[in-house]
Amino acid sequence: MTIPSVIQGLVETGDGKVFELETPKGSAWLESIGSFRFEPSGDSKPYTVRKESGYWYGCRKIAGKVRKKYIGKSPEVSVAKLEEVAEALEIPPAPRANKVAEATQGVAQKVAEVAEVAEVAQDRLTALELQVANLQKAVEALQEALPGKLEVGNSLELPKVDNEVAEQLQNELGNLKAENEKLKADYAALLESSTVVTNKLREKVQELRSQLQIEKSRGEEIWEELSDTKKALAEVRAELETERVDRQEAEKRDTAAIEAQRSQIKDLKRGYGLEPTHTENILRRQLADLQAELSDLKQKSAAASELPEAADLLNQLKTRRKRSKADLTDLETILEILES
């Protein structure tokens, strides 16, 4: 649902109605809604105006957080005020530590100013009290001297006390006393307020310190866990390196053992006459040649689809036997193998 908008002082509702904000109709409209969108005329960005508990606030979401600026009640909502809030929302918020420092400094400065005013008022009160005391002493002295003057026949007129001046001084003295009492009360109230603010600030600082200590402890725990992980990793690497070296040594030992076993087998074969002799090697080569010739003969006699007679093969072998040092028995054995 689209909320209404205020653009250049004009209210644009969702149903197409347009009227000025700063009119009785605009005031009635403010009382009937809970939020609207304001678009400034300058370079400031638009923002949402919301009513909370009867008061209007300018709201804008910045970096995932909603910033609020106080506007006031409905009669205080004007185009100028909305423009002012738009500019205020453009100013980035000061860090919380700076705000606390500024608030503390402001309270301390206000306390100092009140103390200075109270001190000046006290000085003025003291001076006036001194003047009144001197006047009272002068009046008393004149009153004491007057009967004596009259007895000796002194007809000189003595100065009379100006009642109006005395009354004025008394009034001013009373006003200063009242002002001094008021300043003392304001000073006490401000001192109490500053004490409350200071206590709150101290609590907040203590809370931040506690959080910092917790984060510090957590960081130390994480660092210890990281150190333990590094140590464990180093141990695992050392174990893997040891296993690799052991495996290489085992492979070398196995290779040496296999070579030794092979050598032993060769020696055993030689000892029992199982090692191939020179004649056997010759026979194997001749057998390979015969197999090659047999393959050729099979290819050549493919049309006849029959192999040569065994007698022919035997004659061929006998012919070759004359050029070979192998025994005829061996060749006959080979022939039997081929025929099978």
Foldseek 3Di string as FASTA:
>chain_A
DAQWEAEPQWIAGPVGDIDGCPDPVNLVVVVVDAKYKYCAPDPFHIFMWGADPQWIWTWDQDPNRIDIDGQGHSVSDDNVSVNVNSVVVVDDDDDPVVVLVVVLVVLVVVLVVLVVVLVVLVVVLVVLVVVLVVVVVVVVVCVVCVVVCVVVPNPDDDDDDDPVVNVVSVVVSVVSVVVSVVSVVVSVVSVVVSVVSVVVVVVVVVVVVVVVVVVVVVVVVVVVVVVVVVVVVVVVVVVVVVVVVVVVVVVVVVVVVVVVVVVVVVVVCVVVVNDDDPLNVVVVVVLVVVVVVQVVQCVVCVVVVDGDDLVVVLVVVVVVVVVDPDDSVVVVVSSVVVVD
